[in-house]
Amino acid sequence: MQGFDLGGKVALVTGAGSGLGRAFAHGLAAAGARVVCVDRNRGWAEETAAGVRPGANDAVAIEADVADAASVTAMAARAGEACGRIDILVNNAGIATVPQRVHEMPVEDWDRLIAINLRGVFLCTRAVLPVMLAGGGGSIISIASIIGLVGYYPGTPAVGANYAAAKAGVVGFTRQVAIEYARDNIRANAIAPGWHGGTRLGDTRRAALAPEAIAAFEAAIRSQTPMGRRGTPDELEGLAVFLASDASRYITGQVFVQDGGWTAA
């Protein structure tokens, strides 16, 4: 369908160096967009950009820290200079800390995660909105999580309250942006993924756990997901393309859950 074509569009993806971000970059490029691959690790951003260039429109790699206002301002300026416009923003960059119950969580872990996972979404959106306004519209896609919608505690810490709070904040932020900019032809929606493999998000948790604890965690995820498995990053590509394209031009302020049935169970 022609409505899914992103030809002539420019998409900026944060956290594009790996995992879901890399999948979003590949999916948007395959639909015709020129992709700006942003990551705090320059090498990872360049790897993603190199991977989409052969079949896409000269992807751009930019190193930026989404939690740092000056870095984000420079990122938006560089993207604007390189591409002349930004039509699509995917707020994907995020981290996870070692899961702990609230009374055991270091304040530093709370602050560091909120700075990247929530403040970063605000800073990037704030920096890109003027470019979208000047261009006559755009689509903002922010990555929330099912953990921002429902809690999860299987008797041992599996996810932190800081992560849950940040992702719930992304949902509220998305809805407010959607309302504020609806008449400017700028749409804002969120994707709430379930438990996906193939990302670096769980590296910190895995490094802190014994192999048997990791195996028990994985078994619990599979048993409680109705589809009986984790998702894969590429399974989110189509949803991102839909929300970025004119196929969803009358959709704004919504949260799209992609979780193998987790929140329905």
C-alpha atoms as a PDB file:
ATOM      1  CA  MET A   1       0.000   0.000   0.000  1.00  0.00           C
ATOM      2  CA  GLN A   2       1.249   3.448  -0.888  1.00  0.00           C
ATOM      3  CA  GLY A   3       0.420   4.787   2.584  1.00  0.00           C
ATOM      4  CA  PHE A   4       3.351   2.879   4.085  1.00  0.00           C
ATOM      5  CA  ASP A   5       5.926   4.438   1.748  1.00  0.00           C
ATOM      6  CA  LEU A   6       8.493   6.608   3.580  1.00  0.00           C
ATOM      7  CA  GLY A   7      10.302   7.766   0.465  1.00  0.00           C
ATOM      8  CA  GLY A   8      11.596  11.329   0.862  1.00  0.00           C
ATOM      9  CA  LYS A   9      11.247  11.213   4.660  1.00  0.00           C
ATOM     10  CA  VAL A  10      14.024  11.553   7.224  1.00  0.00           C
ATOM     11  CA  ALA A  11      13.863   9.442  10.385  1.00  0.00           C
ATOM     12  CA  LEU A  12      16.005  10.032  13.475  1.00  0.00           C
ATOM     13  CA  VAL A  13      16.369   6.986  15.737  1.00  0.00           C
ATOM     14  CA  THR A  14      18.012   7.237  19.154  1.00  0.00           C
ATOM     15  CA  GLY A  15      19.725   4.202  20.622  1.00  0.00           C
ATOM     16  CA  ALA A  16      20.122   3.007  17.041  1.00  0.00           C
ATOM     17  CA  GLY A  17      23.408   1.214  17.704  1.00  0.00           C
ATOM     18  CA  SER A  18      21.877  -2.105  18.723  1.00  0.00           C
ATOM     19  CA  GLY A  19      18.751  -4.068  19.582  1.00  0.00           C
ATOM     20  CA  LEU A  20      15.390  -2.470  18.965  1.00  0.00           C
ATOM     21  CA  GLY A  21      16.966   0.763  17.733  1.00  0.00           C
ATOM     22  CA  ARG A  22      18.921  -1.037  15.039  1.00  0.00           C
ATOM     23  CA  ALA A  23      15.762  -2.882  13.993  1.00  0.00           C
ATOM     24  CA  PHE A  24      13.823   0.381  13.774  1.00  0.00           C
ATOM     25  CA  ALA A  25      16.572   1.929  11.655  1.00  0.00           C
ATOM     26  CA  HIS A  26      16.564  -1.023   9.247  1.00  0.00           C
ATOM     27  CA  GLY A  27      12.773  -1.132   9.033  1.00  0.00           C
ATOM     28  CA  LEU A  28      12.373   2.580   8.362  1.00  0.00           C
ATOM     29  CA  ALA A  29      15.177   2.521   5.786  1.00  0.00           C
ATOM     30  CA  ALA A  30      13.606  -0.445   4.026  1.00  0.00           C
ATOM     31  CA  ALA A  31      10.388   1.582   3.740  1.00  0.00           C
ATOM     32  CA  GLY A  32      12.323   4.356   2.004  1.00  0.00           C
ATOM     33  CA  ALA A  33      13.352   6.763   4.761  1.00  0.00           C
ATOM     34  CA  ARG A  34      16.781   8.286   5.120  1.00  0.00           C
ATOM     35  CA  VAL A  35      17.821   7.339   8.647  1.00  0.00           C
ATOM     36  CA  VAL A  36      19.845   9.297  11.180  1.00  0.00           C
ATOM     37  CA  CYS A  37      21.341   6.702  13.533  1.00  0.00           C
ATOM     38  CA  VAL A  38      22.019   8.204  16.967  1.00  0.00           C
ATOM     39  CA  ASP A  39      23.829   6.413  19.758  1.00  0.00           C
ATOM     40  CA  ARG A  40      26.158   7.345  22.610  1.00  0.00           C
ATOM     41  CA  ASN A  41      28.558   4.768  21.173  1.00  0.00           C
ATOM     42  CA  ARG A  42      29.780   6.185  17.865  1.00  0.00           C
ATOM     43  CA  GLY A  43      31.000   2.820  16.626  1.00  0.00           C
ATOM     44  CA  TRP A  44      27.630   1.181  17.132  1.00  0.00           C
ATOM     45  CA  ALA A  45      25.858   4.064  15.359  1.00  0.00           C
ATOM     46  CA  GLU A  46      28.233   3.767  12.425  1.00  0.00           C
ATOM     47  CA  GLU A  47      27.685   0.003  12.244  1.00  0.00           C
ATOM     48  CA  THR A  48      23.939   0.519  11.982  1.00  0.00           C
ATOM     49  CA  ALA A  49      24.304   3.276   9.408  1.00  0.00           C
ATOM     50  CA  ALA A  50      26.643   1.118   7.329  1.00  0.00           C
ATOM     51  CA  GLY A  51      24.173  -1.736   7.520  1.00  0.00           C
ATOM     52  CA  VAL A  52      21.267   0.259   6.099  1.00  0.00           C
ATOM     53  CA  ARG A  53      23.225   2.236   3.482  1.00  0.00           C
ATOM     54  CA  PRO A  54      23.493  -0.462   0.796  1.00  0.00           C
ATOM     55  CA  GLY A  55      19.742  -0.575   0.292  1.00  0.00           C
ATOM     56  CA  ALA A  56      18.730   2.822   1.625  1.00  0.00           C
ATOM     57  CA  ASN A  57      19.327   6.526   1.350  1.00  0.00           C
ATOM     58  CA  ASP A  58      22.765   7.360   2.738  1.00  0.00           C
ATOM     59  CA  ALA A  59      22.193   6.874   6.459  1.00  0.00           C
ATOM     60  CA  VAL A  60      23.890   9.266   8.876  1.00  0.00           C
ATOM     61  CA  ALA A  61      25.588   8.301  12.168  1.00  0.00           C
ATOM     62  CA  ILE A  62      25.673  10.760  15.084  1.00  0.00           C
ATOM     63  CA  GLU A  63      27.128  10.287  18.550  1.00  0.00           C
ATOM     64  CA  ALA A  64      24.973  11.843  21.275  1.00  0.00           C
ATOM     65  CA  ASP A  65      24.030  11.450  24.923  1.00  0.00           C
ATOM     66  CA  VAL A  66      20.251  11.815  25.152  1.00  0.00           C
ATOM     67  CA  ALA A  67      20.462  12.745  28.847  1.00  0.00           C
ATOM     68  CA  ASP A  68      22.642  15.790  28.098  1.00  0.00           C
ATOM     69  CA  ALA A  69      20.789  18.866  26.818  1.00  0.00           C
ATOM     70  CA  ALA A  70      23.761  20.340  24.968  1.00  0.00           C
ATOM     71  CA  SER A  71      24.502  17.025  23.277  1.00  0.00           C
ATOM     72  CA  VAL A  72      20.887  16.669  22.152  1.00  0.00           C
ATOM     73  CA  THR A  73      20.803  20.230  20.806  1.00  0.00           C
ATOM     74  CA  ALA A  74      23.944  19.532  18.807  1.00  0.00           C
ATOM     75  CA  MET A  75      22.442  16.249  17.576  1.00  0.00           C
ATOM     76  CA  ALA A  76      19.327  17.956  16.230  1.00  0.00           C
ATOM     77  CA  ALA A  77      21.392  20.675  14.576  1.00  0.00           C
ATOM     78  CA  ARG A  78      23.703  18.158  12.931  1.00  0.00           C
ATOM     79  CA  ALA A  79      20.788  16.060  11.683  1.00  0.00           C
ATOM     80  CA  GLY A  80      19.091  19.144  10.298  1.00  0.00           C
ATOM     81  CA  GLU A  81      22.253  20.246   8.519  1.00  0.00           C
ATOM     82  CA  ALA A  82      22.900  16.788   7.068  1.00  0.00           C
ATOM     83  CA  CYS A  83      19.370  16.033   5.943  1.00  0.00           C
ATOM     84  CA  GLY A  84      17.534  19.348   5.787  1.00  0.00           C
ATOM     85  CA  ARG A  85      14.521  18.004   7.677  1.00  0.00           C
ATOM     86  CA  ILE A  86      13.349  15.505  10.289  1.00  0.00           C
ATOM     87  CA  ASP A  87       9.974  13.897   9.636  1.00  0.00           C
ATOM     88  CA  ILE A  88      10.134  10.968  12.066  1.00  0.00           C
ATOM     89  CA  LEU A  89      11.598  10.738  15.555  1.00  0.00           C
ATOM     90  CA  VAL A  90      11.946   7.387  17.305  1.00  0.00           C
ATOM     91  CA  ASN A  91      12.751   7.908  20.991  1.00  0.00           C
ATOM     92  CA  ASN A  92      14.275   4.516  21.638  1.00  0.00           C
ATOM     93  CA  ALA A  93      17.429   5.085  23.714  1.00  0.00           C
ATOM     94  CA  GLY A  94      17.194   3.553  27.172  1.00  0.00           C
ATOM     95  CA  ILE A  95      18.950   1.584  29.876  1.00  0.00           C
ATOM     96  CA  ALA A  96      18.060  -0.782  32.699  1.00  0.00           C
ATOM     97  CA  THR A  97      19.776  -1.015  36.065  1.00  0.00           C
ATOM     98  CA  VAL A  98      20.221  -4.088  38.255  1.00  0.00           C
ATOM     99  CA  PRO A  99      16.689  -4.949  39.459  1.00  0.00           C
ATOM    100  CA  GLN A 100      16.156  -4.241  43.149  1.00  0.00           C
ATOM    101  CA  ARG A 101      13.142  -3.657  45.346  1.00  0.00           C
ATOM    102  CA  VAL A 102      12.372  -0.017  46.031  1.00  0.00           C
ATOM    103  CA  HIS A 103      13.761   0.078  49.579  1.00  0.00           C
ATOM    104  CA  GLU A 104      17.054  -1.357  48.308  1.00  0.00           C
ATOM    105  CA  MET A 105      17.449   0.750  45.179  1.00  0.00           C
ATOM    106  CA  PRO A 106      20.337   3.251  45.175  1.00  0.00           C
ATOM    107  CA  VAL A 107      19.233   6.820  44.499  1.00  0.00           C
ATOM    108  CA  GLU A 108      21.982   6.966  41.878  1.00  0.00           C
ATOM    109  CA  ASP A 109      20.333   4.140  39.920  1.00  0.00           C
ATOM    110  CA  TRP A 110      17.006   5.949  40.017  1.00  0.00           C
ATOM    111  CA  ASP A 111      18.502   9.230  38.817  1.00  0.00           C
ATOM    112  CA  ARG A 112      20.666   7.717  36.069  1.00  0.00           C
ATOM    113  CA  LEU A 113      17.829   5.705  34.537  1.00  0.00           C
ATOM    114  CA  ILE A 114      15.267   8.514  34.713  1.00  0.00           C
ATOM    115  CA  ALA A 115      17.785  10.866  33.094  1.00  0.00           C
ATOM    116  CA  ILE A 116      18.145   8.627  30.045  1.00  0.00           C
ATOM    117  CA  ASN A 117      14.790   6.861  29.742  1.00  0.00           C
ATOM    118  CA  LEU A 118      12.472   9.797  30.502  1.00  0.00           C
ATOM    119  CA  ARG A 119      14.421  13.056  30.481  1.00  0.00           C
ATOM    120  CA  GLY A 120      16.069  11.891  27.269  1.00  0.00           C
ATOM    121  CA  VAL A 121      12.687  11.477  25.583  1.00  0.00           C
ATOM    122  CA  PHE A 122      11.763  15.010  26.619  1.00  0.00           C
ATOM    123  CA  LEU A 123      15.061  16.505  25.462  1.00  0.00           C
ATOM    124  CA  CYS A 124      15.023  14.793  22.065  1.00  0.00           C
ATOM    125  CA  THR A 125      11.379  15.628  21.421  1.00  0.00           C
ATOM    126  CA  ARG A 126      11.930  19.219  22.503  1.00  0.00           C
ATOM    127  CA  ALA A 127      14.911  19.545  20.151  1.00  0.00           C
ATOM    128  CA  VAL A 128      13.221  17.990  17.130  1.00  0.00           C
ATOM    129  CA  LEU A 129       9.796  19.654  17.407  1.00  0.00           C
ATOM    130  CA  PRO A 130      10.944  23.012  15.973  1.00  0.00           C
ATOM    131  CA  VAL A 131      12.320  21.196  12.924  1.00  0.00           C
ATOM    132  CA  MET A 132       9.033  19.355  12.464  1.00  0.00           C
ATOM    133  CA  LEU A 133       7.041  22.534  12.912  1.00  0.00           C
ATOM    134  CA  ALA A 134       9.128  24.239  10.233  1.00  0.00           C
ATOM    135  CA  GLY A 135       8.620  21.264   7.931  1.00  0.00           C
ATOM    136  CA  GLY A 136       4.852  21.165   8.353  1.00  0.00           C
ATOM    137  CA  GLY A 137       4.455  18.035  10.453  1.00  0.00           C
ATOM    138  CA  GLY A 138       5.922  14.755  11.576  1.00  0.00           C
ATOM    139  CA  SER A 139       5.530  11.575  13.563  1.00  0.00           C
ATOM    140  CA  ILE A 140       7.067  10.982  17.007  1.00  0.00           C
ATOM    141  CA  ILE A 141       7.290   7.384  18.196  1.00  0.00           C
ATOM    142  CA  SER A 142       8.462   6.848  21.775  1.00  0.00           C
ATOM    143  CA  ILE A 143       9.334   3.441  23.136  1.00  0.00           C
ATOM    144  CA  ALA A 144       7.543   2.722  26.383  1.00  0.00           C
ATOM    145  CA  SER A 145       7.154  -0.792  27.839  1.00  0.00           C
ATOM    146  CA  ILE A 146       4.572  -3.151  29.221  1.00  0.00           C
ATOM    147  CA  ILE A 147       6.325  -2.462  32.545  1.00  0.00           C
ATOM    148  CA  GLY A 148       5.001   1.085  32.261  1.00  0.00           C
ATOM    149  CA  LEU A 149       1.481  -0.382  32.101  1.00  0.00           C
ATOM    150  CA  VAL A 150       1.552  -3.318  34.529  1.00  0.00           C
ATOM    151  CA  GLY A 151       3.852  -4.355  37.344  1.00  0.00           C
ATOM    152  CA  TYR A 152       5.831  -7.580  37.504  1.00  0.00           C
ATOM    153  CA  TYR A 153       7.266  -9.234  40.595  1.00  0.00           C
ATOM    154  CA  PRO A 154       7.678 -13.021  40.434  1.00  0.00           C
ATOM    155  CA  GLY A 155       8.977 -13.206  44.003  1.00  0.00           C
ATOM    156  CA  THR A 156      12.403 -11.850  43.145  1.00  0.00           C
ATOM    157  CA  PRO A 157      13.362  -8.539  41.514  1.00  0.00           C
ATOM    158  CA  ALA A 158      13.020  -8.850  37.735  1.00  0.00           C
ATOM    159  CA  VAL A 159      12.629  -5.195  36.816  1.00  0.00           C
ATOM    160  CA  GLY A 160      13.217  -1.952  38.684  1.00  0.00           C
ATOM    161  CA  ALA A 161      10.612   0.577  39.787  1.00  0.00           C
ATOM    162  CA  ASN A 162      12.786   3.236  38.184  1.00  0.00           C
ATOM    163  CA  TYR A 163      12.264   1.548  34.806  1.00  0.00           C
ATOM    164  CA  ALA A 164       8.525   1.202  35.407  1.00  0.00           C
ATOM    165  CA  ALA A 165       8.209   4.859  36.425  1.00  0.00           C
ATOM    166  CA  ALA A 166      10.189   6.106  33.428  1.00  0.00           C
ATOM    167  CA  LYS A 167       8.168   4.079  30.935  1.00  0.00           C
ATOM    168  CA  ALA A 168       4.872   5.149  32.511  1.00  0.00           C
ATOM    169  CA  GLY A 169       6.158   8.706  32.206  1.00  0.00           C
ATOM    170  CA  VAL A 170       6.835   8.156  28.512  1.00  0.00           C
ATOM    171  CA  VAL A 171       3.177   7.214  28.053  1.00  0.00           C
ATOM    172  CA  GLY A 172       1.926  10.360  29.773  1.00  0.00           C
ATOM    173  CA  PHE A 173       4.423  12.542  27.939  1.00  0.00           C
ATOM    174  CA  THR A 174       3.407  11.032  24.602  1.00  0.00           C
ATOM    175  CA  ARG A 175      -0.267  11.744  25.158  1.00  0.00           C
ATOM    176  CA  GLN A 176       0.379  15.340  26.169  1.00  0.00           C
ATOM    177  CA  VAL A 177       2.591  15.984  23.144  1.00  0.00           C
ATOM    178  CA  ALA A 178      -0.068  14.444  20.922  1.00  0.00           C
ATOM    179  CA  ILE A 179      -2.690  16.884  22.166  1.00  0.00           C
ATOM    180  CA  GLU A 180      -0.455  19.951  22.109  1.00  0.00           C
ATOM    181  CA  TYR A 181       0.695  19.417  18.509  1.00  0.00           C
ATOM    182  CA  ALA A 182      -2.267  17.683  16.850  1.00  0.00           C
ATOM    183  CA  ARG A 183      -3.236  20.802  14.889  1.00  0.00           C
ATOM    184  CA  ASP A 184       0.355  21.245  13.748  1.00  0.00           C
ATOM    185  CA  ASN A 185       0.157  17.929  11.887  1.00  0.00           C
ATOM    186  CA  ILE A 186       2.581  16.350  14.353  1.00  0.00           C
ATOM    187  CA  ARG A 187       1.507  12.994  15.727  1.00  0.00           C
ATOM    188  CA  ALA A 188       2.885  11.306  18.849  1.00  0.00           C
ATOM    189  CA  ASN A 189       2.380   7.654  19.701  1.00  0.00           C
ATOM    190  CA  ALA A 190       4.107   5.088  21.889  1.00  0.00           C
ATOM    191  CA  ILE A 191       5.044   1.459  21.433  1.00  0.00           C
ATOM    192  CA  ALA A 192       5.032  -0.696  24.567  1.00  0.00           C
ATOM    193  CA  PRO A 193       7.097  -3.804  23.821  1.00  0.00           C
ATOM    194  CA  GLY A 194       6.976  -6.902  25.937  1.00  0.00           C
ATOM    195  CA  TRP A 195       9.942  -9.132  26.693  1.00  0.00           C
ATOM    196  CA  HIS A 196      12.233  -9.057  23.671  1.00  0.00           C
ATOM    197  CA  GLY A 197      15.536 -10.818  23.175  1.00  0.00           C
ATOM    198  CA  GLY A 198      18.405  -9.646  21.018  1.00  0.00           C
ATOM    199  CA  THR A 199      18.974  -6.362  22.873  1.00  0.00           C
ATOM    200  CA  ARG A 200      21.629  -4.985  25.218  1.00  0.00           C
ATOM    201  CA  LEU A 201      19.011  -3.774  27.702  1.00  0.00           C
ATOM    202  CA  GLY A 202      19.401  -6.764  29.991  1.00  0.00           C
ATOM    203  CA  ASP A 203      23.211  -6.818  29.983  1.00  0.00           C
ATOM    204  CA  THR A 204      23.467  -5.204  33.423  1.00  0.00           C
ATOM    205  CA  ARG A 205      21.022  -7.674  34.955  1.00  0.00           C
ATOM    206  CA  ARG A 206      22.679 -10.671  33.320  1.00  0.00           C
ATOM    207  CA  ALA A 207      26.116  -9.580  34.537  1.00  0.00           C
ATOM    208  CA  ALA A 208      24.836  -9.432  38.131  1.00  0.00           C
ATOM    209  CA  LEU A 209      23.106 -12.831  38.155  1.00  0.00           C
ATOM    210  CA  ALA A 210      24.317 -16.399  38.378  1.00  0.00           C
ATOM    211  CA  PRO A 211      23.601 -18.644  35.345  1.00  0.00           C
ATOM    212  CA  GLU A 212      20.879 -20.555  37.202  1.00  0.00           C
ATOM    213  CA  ALA A 213      19.117 -17.300  38.107  1.00  0.00           C
ATOM    214  CA  ILE A 214      19.219 -16.205  34.470  1.00  0.00           C
ATOM    215  CA  ALA A 215      17.789 -19.553  33.377  1.00  0.00           C
ATOM    216  CA  ALA A 216      14.974 -19.284  35.931  1.00  0.00           C
ATOM    217  CA  PHE A 217      14.181 -15.744  34.756  1.00  0.00           C
ATOM    218  CA  GLU A 218      14.016 -16.808  31.107  1.00  0.00           C
ATOM    219  CA  ALA A 219      11.813 -19.795  31.956  1.00  0.00           C
ATOM    220  CA  ALA A 220       9.406 -17.550  33.869  1.00  0.00           C
ATOM    221  CA  ILE A 221       9.131 -15.134  30.950  1.00  0.00           C
ATOM    222  CA  ARG A 222       8.377 -17.918  28.488  1.00  0.00           C
ATOM    223  CA  SER A 223       5.838 -19.618  30.742  1.00  0.00           C
ATOM    224  CA  GLN A 224       3.913 -16.403  31.424  1.00  0.00           C
ATOM    225  CA  THR A 225       3.845 -15.174  27.833  1.00  0.00           C
ATOM    226  CA  PRO A 226       0.861 -16.733  26.046  1.00  0.00           C
ATOM    227  CA  MET A 227       2.886 -17.173  22.847  1.00  0.00           C
ATOM    228  CA  GLY A 228       5.491 -19.031  24.879  1.00  0.00           C
ATOM    229  CA  ARG A 229       8.514 -17.065  23.734  1.00  0.00           C
ATOM    230  CA  ARG A 230      10.242 -13.709  23.731  1.00  0.00           C
ATOM    231  CA  GLY A 231       9.757 -11.327  20.856  1.00  0.00           C
ATOM    232  CA  THR A 232      12.548 -10.461  18.438  1.00  0.00           C
ATOM    233  CA  PRO A 233      13.546  -6.891  17.505  1.00  0.00           C
ATOM    234  CA  ASP A 234      12.596  -7.302  13.839  1.00  0.00           C
ATOM    235  CA  GLU A 235       9.006  -8.062  14.849  1.00  0.00           C
ATOM    236  CA  LEU A 236       8.636  -4.396  15.843  1.00  0.00           C
ATOM    237  CA  GLU A 237       9.726  -2.998  12.485  1.00  0.00           C
ATOM    238  CA  GLY A 238       6.317  -3.140  10.835  1.00  0.00           C
ATOM    239  CA  LEU A 239       4.607  -1.352  13.714  1.00  0.00           C
ATOM    240  CA  ALA A 240       7.190   1.434  13.624  1.00  0.00           C
ATOM    241  CA  VAL A 241       6.783   1.859   9.863  1.00  0.00           C
ATOM    242  CA  PHE A 242       2.997   1.987  10.285  1.00  0.00           C
ATOM    243  CA  LEU A 243       3.196   4.715  12.934  1.00  0.00           C
ATOM    244  CA  ALA A 244       5.780   6.669  10.946  1.00  0.00           C
ATOM    245  CA  SER A 245       3.793   6.578   7.720  1.00  0.00           C
ATOM    246  CA  ASP A 246       0.641   8.130   6.330  1.00  0.00           C
ATOM    247  CA  ALA A 247      -1.092   4.793   6.891  1.00  0.00           C
ATOM    248  CA  SER A 248      -1.589   5.992  10.498  1.00  0.00           C
ATOM    249  CA  ARG A 249      -2.251   9.641   9.697  1.00  0.00           C
ATOM    250  CA  TYR A 250      -5.411   9.778  11.891  1.00  0.00           C
ATOM    251  CA  ILE A 251      -3.771   8.098  14.890  1.00  0.00           C
ATOM    252  CA  THR A 252      -2.184  10.102  17.693  1.00  0.00           C
ATOM    253  CA  GLY A 253      -1.814   9.864  21.455  1.00  0.00           C
ATOM    254  CA  GLN A 254      -2.052   6.068  21.480  1.00  0.00           C
ATOM    255  CA  VAL A 255      -0.037   3.254  23.055  1.00  0.00           C
ATOM    256  CA  PHE A 256       0.495   0.129  20.962  1.00  0.00           C
ATOM    257  CA  VAL A 257       1.320  -2.979  22.983  1.00  0.00           C
ATOM    258  CA  GLN A 258       3.368  -5.710  21.316  1.00  0.00           C
ATOM    259  CA  ASP A 259       3.941  -8.402  23.926  1.00  0.00           C
ATOM    260  CA  GLY A 260       2.888 -11.863  22.751  1.00  0.00           C
ATOM    261  CA  GLY A 261      -0.267 -11.589  24.868  1.00  0.00           C
ATOM    262  CA  TRP A 262       1.433 -10.758  28.200  1.00  0.00           C
ATOM    263  CA  THR A 263      -0.901  -7.926  29.234  1.00  0.00           C
ATOM    264  CA  ALA A 264      -3.988  -9.827  28.057  1.00  0.00           C
ATOM    265  CA  ALA A 265      -3.339 -12.835  30.259  1.00  0.00           C
END
